[in-house]
């Protein structure tokens, strides 16, 4: 397969590849990066060997890159906390606060944890994607296959729950 033939196949399949990658990684920017990496990897492979069926090869390369990306992200997020011994985590100095402030903060965290644990699985996922991963309403909606309006309403409810917990502990 020649590079020019690959280029034309890639251009025809570009949008389909991009959509596949976006569904897999849930981030348009990351999907674009993976699409570029797919092009580079397939170009290198074509320079080294003959590829009979280019379209499946391109899609499989893209899927493999997306899976590698997701695996690396999962490992990285685990390493951030798992690699630090508990005694180190608990011995990190906090800003100077009174024992009363610390007790209040601990109580607030416990109550928030209980309240968030009672949310539905979808609500928990929306909360995590929004507040911990910084995903937009549209990104969350696409990933969970719901409308952006649903995401907005769920987040409004979740934040009201959090504010209620904070208000009760004042």
N, C-alpha and C. Protein backbone atom coordinates (compact mmCIF):
# COMPACT_ATOMS: atom_id res chain seq x y z
N UNK A 1 0.86 -1.18 0.00
CA UNK A 1 0.00 0.00 0.00
C UNK A 1 0.90 1.23 0.00
N UNK A 2 0.65 2.14 -0.88
CA UNK A 2 1.47 3.34 -0.99
C UNK A 2 1.00 4.40 0.01
N UNK A 3 1.89 5.32 0.30
CA UNK A 3 1.58 6.41 1.23
C UNK A 3 0.44 7.25 0.67
N UNK A 4 0.42 7.50 -0.62
CA UNK A 4 -0.65 8.32 -1.21
C UNK A 4 -2.01 7.62 -1.08
N UNK A 5 -2.04 6.32 -1.26
CA UNK A 5 -3.29 5.55 -1.10
C UNK A 5 -3.74 5.65 0.36
N UNK A 6 -2.80 5.50 1.29
CA UNK A 6 -3.12 5.63 2.71
C UNK A 6 -3.67 7.02 3.00
N UNK A 7 -3.04 8.06 2.47
CA UNK A 7 -3.50 9.43 2.71
C UNK A 7 -4.96 9.61 2.28
N UNK A 8 -5.31 9.07 1.12
CA UNK A 8 -6.69 9.23 0.66
C UNK A 8 -7.66 8.43 1.55
N UNK A 9 -7.26 7.23 1.97
CA UNK A 9 -8.11 6.43 2.88
C UNK A 9 -8.26 7.17 4.21
N UNK A 10 -7.17 7.72 4.69
CA UNK A 10 -7.20 8.42 5.97
C UNK A 10 -8.13 9.63 5.91
N UNK A 11 -8.06 10.39 4.83
CA UNK A 11 -8.91 11.56 4.69
C UNK A 11 -10.39 11.17 4.63
N UNK A 12 -10.70 10.10 3.94
CA UNK A 12 -12.09 9.64 3.84
C UNK A 12 -12.59 9.17 5.21
N UNK A 13 -11.75 8.49 5.97
CA UNK A 13 -12.15 7.90 7.25
C UNK A 13 -11.89 8.80 8.46
N UNK A 14 -11.32 9.96 8.24
CA UNK A 14 -10.90 10.84 9.33
C UNK A 14 -12.03 11.12 10.34
N UNK A 15 -13.17 11.54 9.84
CA UNK A 15 -14.27 11.90 10.74
C UNK A 15 -14.77 10.69 11.53
N UNK A 16 -14.87 9.57 10.88
CA UNK A 16 -15.30 8.35 11.55
C UNK A 16 -14.29 7.93 12.62
N UNK A 17 -13.02 8.02 12.29
CA UNK A 17 -11.96 7.72 13.27
C UNK A 17 -12.04 8.67 14.46
N UNK A 18 -12.21 9.95 14.17
CA UNK A 18 -12.26 10.94 15.24
C UNK A 18 -13.44 10.68 16.17
N UNK A 19 -14.61 10.38 15.61
CA UNK A 19 -15.78 10.07 16.44
C UNK A 19 -15.54 8.84 17.31
N UNK A 20 -14.92 7.83 16.73
CA UNK A 20 -14.61 6.61 17.49
C UNK A 20 -13.69 6.94 18.66
N UNK A 21 -12.66 7.71 18.39
CA UNK A 21 -11.72 8.08 19.45
C UNK A 21 -12.38 8.94 20.52
N UNK A 22 -13.23 9.87 20.10
CA UNK A 22 -13.92 10.73 21.07
C UNK A 22 -14.82 9.91 21.99
N UNK A 23 -15.51 8.94 21.42
CA UNK A 23 -16.36 8.07 22.26
C UNK A 23 -15.50 7.29 23.25
N UNK A 24 -14.36 6.86 22.82
CA UNK A 24 -13.51 6.04 23.69
C UNK A 24 -12.89 6.85 24.81
N UNK A 25 -12.33 8.03 24.49
CA UNK A 25 -11.59 8.78 25.51
C UNK A 25 -12.41 9.90 26.15
N UNK A 26 -13.53 10.27 25.53
CA UNK A 26 -14.40 11.28 26.13
C UNK A 26 -13.84 12.68 26.14
N UNK A 27 -12.87 12.96 25.26
CA UNK A 27 -12.27 14.29 25.23
C UNK A 27 -11.88 14.61 23.79
N UNK A 28 -12.46 15.66 23.19
CA UNK A 28 -12.18 15.99 21.79
C UNK A 28 -10.71 16.32 21.51
N UNK A 29 -10.07 17.02 22.42
CA UNK A 29 -8.67 17.38 22.22
C UNK A 29 -7.78 16.15 22.23
N UNK A 30 -8.00 15.27 23.19
CA UNK A 30 -7.24 14.03 23.27
C UNK A 30 -7.49 13.18 22.03
N UNK A 31 -8.74 13.16 21.58
CA UNK A 31 -9.08 12.37 20.39
C UNK A 31 -8.31 12.90 19.17
N UNK A 32 -8.22 14.21 19.04
CA UNK A 32 -7.44 14.80 17.93
C UNK A 32 -5.97 14.40 18.01
N UNK A 33 -5.42 14.44 19.21
CA UNK A 33 -4.02 14.04 19.40
C UNK A 33 -3.82 12.57 19.01
N UNK A 34 -4.76 11.73 19.44
CA UNK A 34 -4.66 10.30 19.12
C UNK A 34 -4.84 10.06 17.62
N UNK A 35 -5.65 10.87 16.98
CA UNK A 35 -5.83 10.76 15.53
C UNK A 35 -4.53 11.08 14.80
N UNK A 36 -3.85 12.13 15.24
CA UNK A 36 -2.55 12.47 14.65
C UNK A 36 -1.53 11.36 14.88
N UNK A 37 -1.53 10.83 16.08
CA UNK A 37 -0.60 9.73 16.40
C UNK A 37 -0.92 8.50 15.55
N UNK A 38 -2.19 8.26 15.29
CA UNK A 38 -2.59 7.14 14.43
C UNK A 38 -2.00 7.33 13.04
N UNK A 39 -2.12 8.53 12.51
CA UNK A 39 -1.56 8.80 11.18
C UNK A 39 -0.06 8.53 11.16
N UNK A 40 0.64 9.01 12.16
CA UNK A 40 2.09 8.83 12.21
C UNK A 40 2.47 7.36 12.34
N UNK A 41 1.78 6.64 13.20
CA UNK A 41 2.09 5.22 13.41
C UNK A 41 1.84 4.40 12.14
N UNK A 42 0.72 4.65 11.49
CA UNK A 42 0.41 3.89 10.28
C UNK A 42 1.40 4.25 9.18
N UNK A 43 1.77 5.52 9.07
CA UNK A 43 2.77 5.92 8.07
C UNK A 43 4.09 5.20 8.30
N UNK A 44 4.51 5.13 9.56
CA UNK A 44 5.75 4.41 9.89
C UNK A 44 5.63 2.92 9.55
N UNK A 45 4.50 2.33 9.88
CA UNK A 45 4.28 0.91 9.60
C UNK A 45 4.33 0.65 8.10
N UNK A 46 3.75 1.54 7.31
CA UNK A 46 3.75 1.36 5.85
C UNK A 46 5.16 1.47 5.27
N UNK A 47 6.00 2.26 5.91
CA UNK A 47 7.38 2.39 5.45
C UNK A 47 8.17 1.12 5.76
N UNK A 48 7.74 0.37 6.76
CA UNK A 48 8.47 -0.83 7.18
C UNK A 48 7.95 -2.12 6.57
N UNK A 49 6.65 -2.18 6.26
CA UNK A 49 6.08 -3.43 5.76
C UNK A 49 4.84 -3.16 4.92
N UNK A 50 4.40 -4.19 4.25
CA UNK A 50 3.21 -4.11 3.40
C UNK A 50 1.98 -4.41 4.27
N UNK A 51 0.93 -3.60 4.10
CA UNK A 51 -0.32 -3.80 4.82
C UNK A 51 -1.41 -4.06 3.77
N UNK A 52 -2.00 -5.23 3.86
CA UNK A 52 -3.01 -5.63 2.86
C UNK A 52 -4.32 -4.86 3.01
N UNK A 53 -4.85 -4.84 4.21
CA UNK A 53 -6.17 -4.24 4.46
C UNK A 53 -5.98 -3.00 5.32
N UNK A 54 -5.87 -1.86 4.66
CA UNK A 54 -5.46 -0.63 5.35
C UNK A 54 -6.54 -0.09 6.30
N UNK A 55 -7.81 -0.10 5.91
CA UNK A 55 -8.84 0.49 6.77
C UNK A 55 -8.93 -0.20 8.13
N UNK A 56 -9.05 -1.52 8.18
CA UNK A 56 -9.08 -2.17 9.50
C UNK A 56 -7.79 -1.92 10.29
N UNK A 57 -6.67 -1.87 9.59
CA UNK A 57 -5.39 -1.61 10.25
C UNK A 57 -5.38 -0.23 10.89
N UNK A 58 -5.91 0.77 10.18
CA UNK A 58 -5.95 2.14 10.70
C UNK A 58 -6.86 2.21 11.93
N UNK A 59 -8.05 1.61 11.83
CA UNK A 59 -8.98 1.65 12.96
C UNK A 59 -8.43 0.88 14.16
N UNK A 60 -7.79 -0.24 13.93
CA UNK A 60 -7.22 -1.00 15.04
C UNK A 60 -6.08 -0.23 15.70
N UNK A 61 -5.28 0.44 14.89
CA UNK A 61 -4.19 1.26 15.43
C UNK A 61 -4.77 2.38 16.30
N UNK A 62 -5.82 3.03 15.82
CA UNK A 62 -6.46 4.11 16.59
C UNK A 62 -7.03 3.57 17.90
N UNK A 63 -7.74 2.45 17.84
CA UNK A 63 -8.31 1.85 19.05
C UNK A 63 -7.21 1.49 20.05
N UNK A 64 -6.14 0.90 19.56
CA UNK A 64 -5.04 0.52 20.45
C UNK A 64 -4.42 1.75 21.13
N UNK A 65 -4.26 2.82 20.38
CA UNK A 65 -3.71 4.05 20.97
C UNK A 65 -4.66 4.61 22.03
N UNK A 66 -5.97 4.57 21.76
CA UNK A 66 -6.94 5.06 22.74
C UNK A 66 -6.92 4.20 24.00
N UNK A 67 -6.86 2.90 23.82
CA UNK A 67 -6.80 2.00 24.99
C UNK A 67 -5.53 2.22 25.79
N UNK A 68 -4.40 2.41 25.10
CA UNK A 68 -3.14 2.71 25.79
C UNK A 68 -3.26 4.00 26.58
N UNK A 69 -3.89 5.00 25.97
CA UNK A 69 -4.08 6.29 26.65
C UNK A 69 -4.93 6.12 27.91
N UNK A 70 -6.05 5.41 27.78
CA UNK A 70 -6.93 5.20 28.93
C UNK A 70 -6.24 4.41 30.04
N UNK A 71 -5.48 3.40 29.64
CA UNK A 71 -4.75 2.59 30.62
C UNK A 71 -3.72 3.46 31.35
N UNK A 72 -3.00 4.27 30.62
CA UNK A 72 -1.98 5.13 31.23
C UNK A 72 -2.63 6.14 32.18
N UNK A 73 -3.77 6.68 31.78
CA UNK A 73 -4.46 7.64 32.63
C UNK A 73 -4.94 6.99 33.92
N UNK A 74 -5.44 5.75 33.81
CA UNK A 74 -5.90 5.02 34.99
C UNK A 74 -4.73 4.73 35.93
N UNK A 75 -3.61 4.29 35.37
CA UNK A 75 -2.42 4.00 36.18
C UNK A 75 -1.92 5.27 36.85
N UNK A 76 -1.88 6.35 36.09
CA UNK A 76 -1.40 7.62 36.64
C UNK A 76 -2.28 8.09 37.80
N UNK A 77 -3.59 7.99 37.65
CA UNK A 77 -4.46 8.44 38.73
C UNK A 77 -4.31 7.56 39.97
N UNK A 78 -4.08 6.26 39.76
CA UNK A 78 -3.86 5.38 40.91
C UNK A 78 -2.53 5.70 41.59
N UNK A 79 -1.52 5.99 40.80
CA UNK A 79 -0.19 6.25 41.36
C UNK A 79 -0.17 7.49 42.21
N UNK A 80 -0.97 8.47 41.88
CA UNK A 80 -0.96 9.72 42.62
C UNK A 80 -1.21 9.50 44.10
N UNK A 81 -2.11 8.57 44.42
CA UNK A 81 -2.42 8.32 45.82
C UNK A 81 -1.80 7.01 46.31
N UNK A 82 -1.86 5.98 45.49
CA UNK A 82 -1.40 4.66 45.92
C UNK A 82 0.09 4.59 46.22
N UNK A 83 0.89 5.42 45.56
CA UNK A 83 2.33 5.37 45.76
C UNK A 83 2.79 6.12 47.02
N UNK A 84 1.89 6.84 47.63
CA UNK A 84 2.24 7.59 48.83
C UNK A 84 1.74 6.81 50.04
N UNK A 85 2.64 6.42 50.93
CA UNK A 85 2.22 5.67 52.12
C UNK A 85 1.23 6.48 52.96
N UNK A 86 0.31 5.77 53.61
CA UNK A 86 -0.72 6.44 54.42
C UNK A 86 -0.11 7.34 55.49
N UNK A 87 0.97 6.87 56.11
CA UNK A 87 1.55 7.70 57.18
C UNK A 87 2.06 9.03 56.65
N UNK A 88 2.52 9.03 55.40
CA UNK A 88 2.97 10.30 54.80
C UNK A 88 1.77 11.18 54.49
N UNK A 89 0.72 10.59 53.92
CA UNK A 89 -0.48 11.36 53.61
C UNK A 89 -1.06 12.01 54.86
N UNK A 90 -1.07 11.26 55.95
CA UNK A 90 -1.68 11.78 57.18
C UNK A 90 -0.74 12.71 57.95
N UNK A 91 0.54 12.73 57.60
CA UNK A 91 1.46 13.59 58.33
C UNK A 91 1.75 14.91 57.61
N UNK A 92 1.15 15.09 56.43
CA UNK A 92 1.37 16.35 55.71
C UNK A 92 0.76 17.47 56.53
N UNK A 93 1.55 18.50 56.73
CA UNK A 93 1.09 19.60 57.56
C UNK A 93 -0.02 20.38 56.86
N UNK A 94 -1.08 20.61 57.58
CA UNK A 94 -2.19 21.42 57.07
C UNK A 94 -1.96 22.85 57.51
N UNK A 95 -2.59 23.79 56.86
CA UNK A 95 -2.47 25.18 57.33
C UNK A 95 -2.92 25.25 58.78
N UNK A 96 -2.31 26.16 59.50
CA UNK A 96 -2.62 26.29 60.93
C UNK A 96 -4.10 26.59 61.13
N UNK A 97 -4.78 25.68 61.78
CA UNK A 97 -6.19 25.87 62.10
C UNK A 97 -6.42 25.39 63.52
N UNK A 98 -7.52 25.81 64.06
CA UNK A 98 -7.84 25.37 65.41
C UNK A 98 -8.36 23.94 65.34
N UNK A 99 -8.33 23.25 66.47
CA UNK A 99 -8.85 21.89 66.51
C UNK A 99 -10.35 21.90 66.22
N UNK A 100 -11.03 22.99 66.57
CA UNK A 100 -12.45 23.10 66.27
C UNK A 100 -12.69 23.18 64.76
N UNK A 101 -11.85 23.96 64.05
CA UNK A 101 -11.96 24.04 62.59
C UNK A 101 -11.69 22.68 61.95
N UNK A 102 -10.70 22.01 62.45
CA UNK A 102 -10.35 20.70 61.89
C UNK A 102 -11.48 19.70 62.12
N UNK A 103 -12.08 19.72 63.29
CA UNK A 103 -13.19 18.81 63.59
C UNK A 103 -14.39 19.13 62.69
N UNK A 104 -14.64 20.42 62.47
CA UNK A 104 -15.75 20.83 61.61
C UNK A 104 -15.50 20.36 60.17
N UNK A 105 -14.28 20.55 59.69
CA UNK A 105 -13.94 20.13 58.33
C UNK A 105 -14.07 18.62 58.17
N UNK A 106 -13.63 17.89 59.18
CA UNK A 106 -13.73 16.43 59.13
C UNK A 106 -15.19 15.98 59.12
N UNK A 107 -16.00 16.63 59.92
CA UNK A 107 -17.44 16.32 59.96
C UNK A 107 -18.09 16.64 58.62
N UNK A 108 -17.71 17.76 58.04
CA UNK A 108 -18.26 18.16 56.73
C UNK A 108 -17.90 17.13 55.67
N UNK A 109 -16.64 16.70 55.65
CA UNK A 109 -16.22 15.69 54.67
C UNK A 109 -16.97 14.38 54.85
N UNK A 110 -17.16 13.98 56.09
CA UNK A 110 -17.90 12.74 56.36
C UNK A 110 -19.33 12.84 55.85
N UNK A 111 -19.99 13.95 56.15
CA UNK A 111 -21.38 14.14 55.74
C UNK A 111 -21.49 14.24 54.21
N UNK A 112 -20.55 14.93 53.58
CA UNK A 112 -20.56 15.01 52.11
C UNK A 112 -20.36 13.63 51.50
N UNK A 113 -19.46 12.87 52.07
CA UNK A 113 -19.20 11.53 51.57
C UNK A 113 -20.44 10.66 51.67
N UNK A 114 -21.14 10.73 52.78
CA UNK A 114 -22.37 9.96 52.97
C UNK A 114 -23.43 10.41 51.95
N UNK A 115 -23.60 11.72 51.82
CA UNK A 115 -24.62 12.24 50.89
C UNK A 115 -24.30 11.88 49.45
N UNK A 116 -23.05 12.04 49.05
CA UNK A 116 -22.66 11.72 47.67
C UNK A 116 -22.74 10.22 47.42
N UNK A 117 -22.51 9.42 48.44
CA UNK A 117 -22.63 7.97 48.31
C UNK A 117 -24.06 7.51 48.08
N UNK A 118 -25.03 8.35 48.43
CA UNK A 118 -26.43 8.00 48.24
C UNK A 118 -26.97 8.40 46.87
N UNK A 119 -26.15 9.07 46.08
CA UNK A 119 -26.57 9.46 44.73
C UNK A 119 -26.63 8.22 43.84
N UNK A 120 -27.38 8.34 42.77
CA UNK A 120 -27.42 7.24 41.80
C UNK A 120 -26.05 7.12 41.14
N UNK A 121 -25.82 5.99 40.51
CA UNK A 121 -24.53 5.78 39.84
C UNK A 121 -24.29 6.86 38.77
N UNK A 122 -25.34 7.19 38.01
CA UNK A 122 -25.20 8.22 36.98
C UNK A 122 -24.86 9.58 37.61
N UNK A 123 -25.54 9.92 38.71
CA UNK A 123 -25.27 11.19 39.37
C UNK A 123 -23.83 11.24 39.89
N UNK A 124 -23.37 10.14 40.47
CA UNK A 124 -21.98 10.09 40.95
C UNK A 124 -21.01 10.29 39.79
N UNK A 125 -21.30 9.64 38.66
CA UNK A 125 -20.43 9.75 37.48
C UNK A 125 -20.41 11.19 36.98
N UNK A 126 -21.58 11.83 36.92
CA UNK A 126 -21.67 13.23 36.49
C UNK A 126 -20.84 14.12 37.42
N UNK A 127 -20.99 13.91 38.72
CA UNK A 127 -20.25 14.71 39.69
C UNK A 127 -18.74 14.54 39.51
N UNK A 128 -18.30 13.30 39.37
CA UNK A 128 -16.86 13.03 39.22
C UNK A 128 -16.32 13.63 37.93
N UNK A 129 -17.04 13.42 36.84
CA UNK A 129 -16.58 13.97 35.55
C UNK A 129 -16.52 15.49 35.58
N UNK A 130 -17.52 16.10 36.20
CA UNK A 130 -17.57 17.56 36.24
C UNK A 130 -16.57 18.17 37.22
N UNK A 131 -16.63 17.72 38.46
CA UNK A 131 -15.86 18.38 39.50
C UNK A 131 -14.42 17.88 39.62
N UNK A 132 -14.17 16.62 39.31
CA UNK A 132 -12.81 16.10 39.45
C UNK A 132 -12.04 16.10 38.14
N UNK A 133 -12.75 15.87 37.02
CA UNK A 133 -12.06 15.81 35.74
C UNK A 133 -12.26 17.07 34.91
N UNK A 134 -13.13 17.98 35.35
CA UNK A 134 -13.33 19.24 34.64
C UNK A 134 -14.03 19.11 33.30
N UNK A 135 -14.79 18.05 33.11
CA UNK A 135 -15.50 17.86 31.84
C UNK A 135 -16.65 18.85 31.73
N UNK A 136 -16.96 19.26 30.50
CA UNK A 136 -18.07 20.18 30.26
C UNK A 136 -19.38 19.40 30.25
N UNK A 137 -20.49 20.13 30.32
CA UNK A 137 -21.81 19.49 30.26
C UNK A 137 -21.92 18.66 28.98
N UNK A 138 -21.48 19.23 27.87
CA UNK A 138 -21.59 18.53 26.59
C UNK A 138 -20.75 17.26 26.56
N UNK A 139 -19.53 17.33 27.08
CA UNK A 139 -18.67 16.15 27.12
C UNK A 139 -19.30 15.04 27.99
N UNK A 140 -19.84 15.44 29.13
CA UNK A 140 -20.47 14.47 30.03
C UNK A 140 -21.70 13.87 29.35
N UNK A 141 -22.49 14.73 28.73
CA UNK A 141 -23.70 14.26 28.06
C UNK A 141 -23.38 13.24 26.98
N UNK A 142 -22.35 13.53 26.19
CA UNK A 142 -21.96 12.59 25.13
C UNK A 142 -21.48 11.27 25.72
N UNK A 143 -20.70 11.35 26.76
CA UNK A 143 -20.15 10.13 27.36
C UNK A 143 -21.24 9.27 28.00
N UNK A 144 -22.21 9.91 28.64
CA UNK A 144 -23.26 9.16 29.34
C UNK A 144 -24.51 8.98 28.49
N UNK A 145 -24.47 9.52 27.28
CA UNK A 145 -25.60 9.39 26.34
C UNK A 145 -26.90 9.95 26.93
N UNK A 146 -26.78 11.17 27.48
CA UNK A 146 -27.94 11.91 27.96
C UNK A 146 -27.84 13.31 27.38
N UNK A 147 -28.85 14.13 27.60
CA UNK A 147 -28.81 15.49 27.08
C UNK A 147 -27.99 16.39 28.01
N UNK A 148 -27.41 17.45 27.44
CA UNK A 148 -26.68 18.41 28.30
C UNK A 148 -27.60 19.02 29.37
N UNK A 149 -28.87 19.16 29.04
CA UNK A 149 -29.84 19.67 30.01
C UNK A 149 -29.97 18.74 31.21
N UNK A 150 -29.95 17.44 30.94
CA UNK A 150 -30.02 16.45 32.03
C UNK A 150 -28.79 16.58 32.92
N UNK A 151 -27.63 16.74 32.31
CA UNK A 151 -26.39 16.90 33.07
C UNK A 151 -26.48 18.14 33.95
N UNK A 152 -26.95 19.24 33.37
CA UNK A 152 -27.05 20.49 34.11
C UNK A 152 -28.01 20.34 35.30
N UNK A 153 -29.16 19.72 35.07
CA UNK A 153 -30.14 19.54 36.14
C UNK A 153 -29.60 18.64 37.24
N UNK A 154 -28.92 17.55 36.85
CA UNK A 154 -28.35 16.63 37.84
C UNK A 154 -27.29 17.34 38.68
N UNK A 155 -26.43 18.12 38.02
CA UNK A 155 -25.39 18.85 38.76
C UNK A 155 -25.99 19.88 39.70
N UNK A 156 -27.06 20.53 39.26
CA UNK A 156 -27.73 21.51 40.11
C UNK A 156 -28.26 20.82 41.37
N UNK A 157 -28.86 19.65 41.19
CA UNK A 157 -29.37 18.87 42.32
C UNK A 157 -28.23 18.45 43.24
N UNK A 158 -27.16 17.93 42.65
CA UNK A 158 -26.01 17.47 43.44
C UNK A 158 -25.40 18.62 44.25
N UNK A 159 -25.24 19.77 43.61
CA UNK A 159 -24.66 20.92 44.31
C UNK A 159 -25.60 21.42 45.41
N UNK A 160 -26.91 21.32 45.18
CA UNK A 160 -27.87 21.70 46.23
C UNK A 160 -27.72 20.77 47.43
N UNK A 161 -27.51 19.50 47.16
CA UNK A 161 -27.29 18.54 48.25
C UNK A 161 -26.03 18.91 49.03
N UNK A 162 -24.96 19.21 48.31
CA UNK A 162 -23.70 19.59 48.97
C UNK A 162 -23.87 20.86 49.79
N UNK A 163 -24.57 21.84 49.24
CA UNK A 163 -24.79 23.09 49.97
C UNK A 163 -25.65 22.84 51.21
N UNK A 164 -26.63 21.95 51.08
CA UNK A 164 -27.47 21.61 52.23
C UNK A 164 -26.67 20.99 53.34
N UNK A 165 -25.75 20.11 52.99
CA UNK A 165 -24.89 19.48 54.00
C UNK A 165 -24.06 20.56 54.69
N UNK A 166 -23.48 21.45 53.90
CA UNK A 166 -22.63 22.52 54.47
C UNK A 166 -23.46 23.44 55.37
N UNK A 167 -24.68 23.77 54.94
CA UNK A 167 -25.52 24.65 55.74
C UNK A 167 -25.92 24.00 57.07
N UNK A 168 -26.21 22.70 57.03
CA UNK A 168 -26.60 22.01 58.26
C UNK A 168 -25.45 21.97 59.28
N UNK A 169 -24.24 21.99 58.82
CA UNK A 169 -23.09 21.89 59.74
C UNK A 169 -22.56 23.24 60.18
N UNK A 170 -23.17 24.32 59.77
CA UNK A 170 -22.69 25.65 60.18
C UNK A 170 -22.97 25.90 61.64
